[in-house]
Amino acid sequence: MLKLPKLSRNALMTALGVSLIAGTVIAQVAPTEPIIWDKRRLDQLDRNVRKLERAIFQRNADGQPFLMEPDPEVVALQGRVGGVDRRLADVEATIQRMNGDIESLTLDLEQMKTENGRLRTRLGEAEARVGSLEQRAREEAELNAPIVANSPTGAAAGDLAAANRLLSTNPARGERALEVVIVTWPDAEEARLANVRLGDLRVEDQDTAGAVPYYAAALRGWPTAGWAPEATIKLAEALEAEDQSTDACIALREFRTRYGTGAPQSLTTRATAVRTSAGCR
């Protein structure tokens, strides 16, 4: 028969002690107070171990070897621990995959944020352009609408002053306001001044043909106001620029007859230049 190799005393005592302790723990149904391992208990444990040692040696001598079988509960516990280890490994692998997916999603999210920022910028620019086009369309519709009488301030002088101020910020609306002054106050001095200002604006745009009717409207009836002499010279200059020499000479004769006496030297000099250029007699 197979015999176990001779065990050392200490190893055997340890194995038996563990077996006794494990058996004691398993046999207990309800927990008890912890054992206090004093000298007496240790001596008793040593005597029990010696008895077990003699019994094991006797069995080995009789041809009945002692086999230590593992505790079924320990085996089951080991199996459960192994299963938990495998599940933990699966969870760890799943977490690693999830971390990879999260990193990929984070990168995609950052790219989407960047793209959304670009799209918002483009959308803002497009909205600004659309708003500008709508504003221009409204202004065009307003500027091309028929001119009707309207007095924002209730007085010709106030309307003319407001129109001149508007010219510095919005020339198109300012010119429109001057036209409204002319329609609203046709017989007022402010209407004549508005015509002169519109004629000046046409000359500034190098549109002398467009300036002529405004100067002519301002000088209708040859007013005696202080601005009339210069407006007459401006009319003559515009007519001469449009090769209307005969009409330019007529305007110069009116200037000499009506405003020549006491006219500033600067206007007299300009009148002489136009007369020479137009070939007036």
Foldseek 3Di string as FASTA:
>chain_A
DDADPDDDLVVQLVVVVVVVVVVVVVPDPDDDDDDDDDPVNVVVSVVVSVVVNVVQVVCRVVVNHDDDDDDPVVVVVVVVVVVVVVVVVVVVVVVVVVVVVVVVVVVVVVVVVVVVVVVVVVVVVVVVVVVVVVVVVVVVCVLPDDAAADDPVPDLVVLLVVLVVVCVVPVSVSLSSLVNSCRNCVPDLSVLVSLQVVLVVCVVVVNLVVSQVSLCSSCVVHDPDPCRLVSLLSNLVSCVVVVNLVVSLVSLVCSCVRPVVPDDPVSVVSSVVSCVSSVPD
